[in-house]
C-alpha cells in the first residue's frame, strides 16, 4: 500500500530568524552541554545559510524588476 506524502511545510524567513534567535538565547544561557552547544550552532548556521540564499534570490528579483522599470519607454 503506497504511503501518502505529507505536504511540504511552507518556509518562512521571519520564523526561521526567530528560530535562530531562540537558539542564540539558549546558547547564551549557559544551560547546554558542550556537545549540544555545537549541535545547535550547526543548526543555526544552516538556518543562516538558508536565510542568506533567500535574501540573495529576492535581491536579484528586485534588481531585475528595477531594470525592467528603467527599460520601459517614457509615455
N, C-alpha and C. Protein backbone atom coordinates (compact mmCIF):
# COMPACT_ATOMS: atom_id res chain seq x y z
N UNK A 1 0.85 -1.18 0.00
CA UNK A 1 0.00 0.00 0.00
C UNK A 1 0.90 1.25 0.00
N UNK A 2 0.76 2.12 -0.99
CA UNK A 2 1.61 3.31 -1.04
C UNK A 2 1.26 4.28 0.09
N UNK A 3 2.30 4.92 0.57
CA UNK A 3 2.07 5.90 1.63
C UNK A 3 1.92 7.28 1.01
N UNK A 4 1.09 8.07 1.63
CA UNK A 4 0.88 9.43 1.14
C UNK A 4 2.00 10.32 1.65
N UNK A 5 2.46 11.18 0.77
CA UNK A 5 3.48 12.14 1.18
C UNK A 5 2.81 13.28 1.93
N UNK A 6 3.48 13.71 2.98
CA UNK A 6 2.97 14.87 3.71
C UNK A 6 3.27 16.12 2.90
N UNK A 7 2.35 17.08 2.90
CA UNK A 7 2.64 18.31 2.17
C UNK A 7 3.83 19.02 2.80
N UNK A 8 4.67 19.57 1.95
CA UNK A 8 5.86 20.28 2.44
C UNK A 8 5.43 21.52 3.22
N UNK A 9 6.10 21.72 4.34
CA UNK A 9 5.81 22.92 5.12
C UNK A 9 6.27 24.14 4.34
N UNK A 10 5.54 25.21 4.47
CA UNK A 10 5.92 26.44 3.82
C UNK A 10 7.01 27.11 4.63
N UNK A 11 8.13 27.38 3.98
CA UNK A 11 9.25 28.02 4.65
C UNK A 11 8.95 29.49 4.82
N UNK A 12 9.37 30.05 5.96
CA UNK A 12 9.11 31.44 6.25
C UNK A 12 10.36 32.09 6.82
N UNK A 13 10.78 33.18 6.21
CA UNK A 13 12.01 33.87 6.64
C UNK A 13 11.92 34.31 8.10
N UNK A 14 10.83 34.97 8.44
CA UNK A 14 10.69 35.52 9.78
C UNK A 14 10.71 34.43 10.85
N UNK A 15 10.03 33.32 10.60
CA UNK A 15 10.02 32.24 11.60
C UNK A 15 11.39 31.59 11.71
N UNK A 16 12.13 31.55 10.62
CA UNK A 16 13.48 30.99 10.67
C UNK A 16 14.40 31.90 11.48
N UNK A 17 14.26 33.21 11.31
CA UNK A 17 15.05 34.15 12.11
C UNK A 17 14.71 33.98 13.59
N UNK A 18 13.43 33.77 13.90
CA UNK A 18 13.04 33.54 15.30
C UNK A 18 13.70 32.28 15.85
N UNK A 19 13.77 31.24 15.03
CA UNK A 19 14.43 30.00 15.47
C UNK A 19 15.90 30.25 15.77
N UNK A 20 16.55 31.04 14.92
CA UNK A 20 17.96 31.38 15.14
C UNK A 20 18.10 32.14 16.45
N UNK A 21 17.22 33.12 16.68
CA UNK A 21 17.27 33.89 17.92
C UNK A 21 17.05 33.01 19.13
N UNK A 22 16.12 32.06 19.04
CA UNK A 22 15.87 31.13 20.15
C UNK A 22 17.12 30.31 20.46
N UNK A 23 17.77 29.84 19.41
CA UNK A 23 18.99 29.05 19.60
C UNK A 23 20.07 29.91 20.27
N UNK A 24 20.21 31.16 19.81
CA UNK A 24 21.21 32.05 20.40
C UNK A 24 20.94 32.30 21.88
N UNK A 25 19.67 32.52 22.23
CA UNK A 25 19.33 32.73 23.65
C UNK A 25 19.66 31.49 24.47
N UNK A 26 19.36 30.34 23.92
CA UNK A 26 19.66 29.09 24.62
C UNK A 26 21.16 28.92 24.79
N UNK A 27 21.91 29.23 23.76
CA UNK A 27 23.37 29.12 23.84
C UNK A 27 23.94 30.10 24.86
N UNK A 28 23.39 31.31 24.89
CA UNK A 28 23.87 32.33 25.82
C UNK A 28 23.51 32.02 27.26
N UNK A 29 22.49 31.19 27.47
CA UNK A 29 22.05 30.89 28.83
C UNK A 29 23.09 30.09 29.61
N UNK A 30 23.92 29.35 28.90
CA UNK A 30 24.93 28.54 29.56
C UNK A 30 24.38 27.24 30.12
N UNK A 31 23.14 26.91 29.78
CA UNK A 31 22.49 25.70 30.29
C UNK A 31 22.64 24.50 29.36
N UNK A 32 23.52 24.57 28.40
CA UNK A 32 23.68 23.49 27.43
C UNK A 32 25.02 22.80 27.63
N UNK A 33 25.02 21.51 27.34
CA UNK A 33 26.30 20.80 27.33
C UNK A 33 27.09 21.27 26.12
N UNK A 34 28.37 21.05 26.14
CA UNK A 34 29.22 21.48 25.03
C UNK A 34 28.80 20.78 23.74
N UNK A 35 28.45 19.51 23.84
CA UNK A 35 28.01 18.76 22.67
C UNK A 35 26.73 19.36 22.08
N UNK A 36 25.76 19.68 22.94
CA UNK A 36 24.52 20.30 22.47
C UNK A 36 24.77 21.69 21.89
N UNK A 37 25.70 22.40 22.50
CA UNK A 37 26.03 23.73 22.03
C UNK A 37 26.54 23.68 20.59
N UNK A 38 27.45 22.75 20.32
CA UNK A 38 27.98 22.62 18.96
C UNK A 38 26.90 22.16 17.98
N UNK A 39 26.04 21.27 18.43
CA UNK A 39 24.95 20.80 17.57
C UNK A 39 24.02 21.95 17.21
N UNK A 40 23.63 22.74 18.20
CA UNK A 40 22.73 23.87 17.96
C UNK A 40 23.41 24.96 17.12
N UNK A 41 24.71 25.12 17.32
CA UNK A 41 25.46 26.07 16.49
C UNK A 41 25.34 25.68 15.02
N UNK A 42 25.50 24.39 14.72
CA UNK A 42 25.39 23.92 13.34
C UNK A 42 23.99 24.10 12.78
N UNK A 43 22.98 23.87 13.62
CA UNK A 43 21.59 24.09 13.19
C UNK A 43 21.39 25.56 12.83
N UNK A 44 21.85 26.45 13.72
CA UNK A 44 21.70 27.89 13.47
C UNK A 44 22.46 28.30 12.20
N UNK A 45 23.64 27.74 12.00
CA UNK A 45 24.43 28.06 10.80
C UNK A 45 23.68 27.63 9.54
N UNK A 46 23.04 26.47 9.57
CA UNK A 46 22.25 26.02 8.42
C UNK A 46 21.07 26.96 8.16
N UNK A 47 20.40 27.39 9.25
CA UNK A 47 19.30 28.34 9.10
C UNK A 47 19.80 29.65 8.48
N UNK A 48 20.96 30.11 8.94
CA UNK A 48 21.53 31.35 8.41
C UNK A 48 21.85 31.23 6.92
N UNK A 49 22.38 30.09 6.51
CA UNK A 49 22.68 29.87 5.09
C UNK A 49 21.40 29.92 4.26
N UNK A 50 20.34 29.31 4.78
CA UNK A 50 19.06 29.30 4.08
C UNK A 50 18.52 30.73 3.96
N UNK A 51 18.60 31.49 5.04
CA UNK A 51 18.14 32.88 5.01
C UNK A 51 18.97 33.70 4.03
N UNK A 52 20.26 33.48 4.01
CA UNK A 52 21.13 34.21 3.09
C UNK A 52 20.78 33.91 1.64
N UNK A 53 20.53 32.63 1.33
CA UNK A 53 20.12 32.26 -0.04
C UNK A 53 18.80 32.95 -0.41
N UNK A 54 17.86 32.94 0.53
CA UNK A 54 16.56 33.57 0.30
C UNK A 54 16.74 35.06 -0.02
N UNK A 55 17.53 35.75 0.81
CA UNK A 55 17.73 37.19 0.61
C UNK A 55 18.47 37.47 -0.70
N UNK A 56 19.43 36.63 -1.04
CA UNK A 56 20.17 36.80 -2.29
C UNK A 56 19.24 36.65 -3.49
N UNK A 57 18.36 35.64 -3.44
CA UNK A 57 17.41 35.43 -4.53
C UNK A 57 16.44 36.60 -4.65
N UNK A 58 15.95 37.08 -3.52
CA UNK A 58 15.00 38.19 -3.55
C UNK A 58 15.67 39.48 -4.03
N UNK A 59 16.91 39.69 -3.64
CA UNK A 59 17.64 40.88 -4.11
C UNK A 59 17.76 40.84 -5.63
N UNK A 60 18.08 39.67 -6.17
CA UNK A 60 18.21 39.53 -7.62
C UNK A 60 16.87 39.83 -8.30
N UNK A 61 15.77 39.37 -7.70
CA UNK A 61 14.46 39.64 -8.27
C UNK A 61 14.14 41.13 -8.27
N UNK A 62 14.48 41.79 -7.16
CA UNK A 62 14.23 43.23 -7.06
C UNK A 62 15.08 43.98 -8.09
N UNK A 63 16.34 43.61 -8.21
CA UNK A 63 17.21 44.28 -9.18
C UNK A 63 16.70 44.08 -10.61
N UNK A 64 16.20 42.88 -10.90
CA UNK A 64 15.64 42.62 -12.22
C UNK A 64 14.39 43.47 -12.45
N UNK A 65 13.55 43.58 -11.45
CA UNK A 65 12.35 44.41 -11.56
C UNK A 65 12.71 45.87 -11.80
N UNK A 66 13.74 46.34 -11.10
CA UNK A 66 14.18 47.72 -11.28
C UNK A 66 14.70 47.93 -12.69
N UNK A 67 15.44 46.96 -13.21
CA UNK A 67 15.93 47.05 -14.59
C UNK A 67 14.78 47.16 -15.57
N UNK A 68 13.74 46.37 -15.35
CA UNK A 68 12.58 46.42 -16.24
C UNK A 68 11.88 47.76 -16.15
N UNK A 69 11.86 48.35 -14.97
CA UNK A 69 11.23 49.66 -14.82
C UNK A 69 12.00 50.73 -15.58
N UNK A 70 13.31 50.66 -15.52
CA UNK A 70 14.12 51.67 -16.20
C UNK A 70 14.18 51.44 -17.70
N UNK A 71 13.86 50.23 -18.15
CA UNK A 71 13.86 49.92 -19.58
C UNK A 71 12.54 50.31 -20.25
N UNK A 72 11.52 50.62 -19.47
CA UNK A 72 10.22 50.97 -20.03
C UNK A 72 10.32 52.30 -20.76
N UNK A 73 9.68 52.39 -21.91
CA UNK A 73 9.70 53.67 -22.64
C UNK A 73 8.90 54.73 -21.89
N UNK A 74 9.31 55.98 -22.04
CA UNK A 74 8.57 57.09 -21.44
C UNK A 74 7.29 57.32 -22.22
N UNK A 75 6.25 57.63 -21.51
CA UNK A 75 4.96 57.89 -22.17
C UNK A 75 4.71 59.36 -22.27
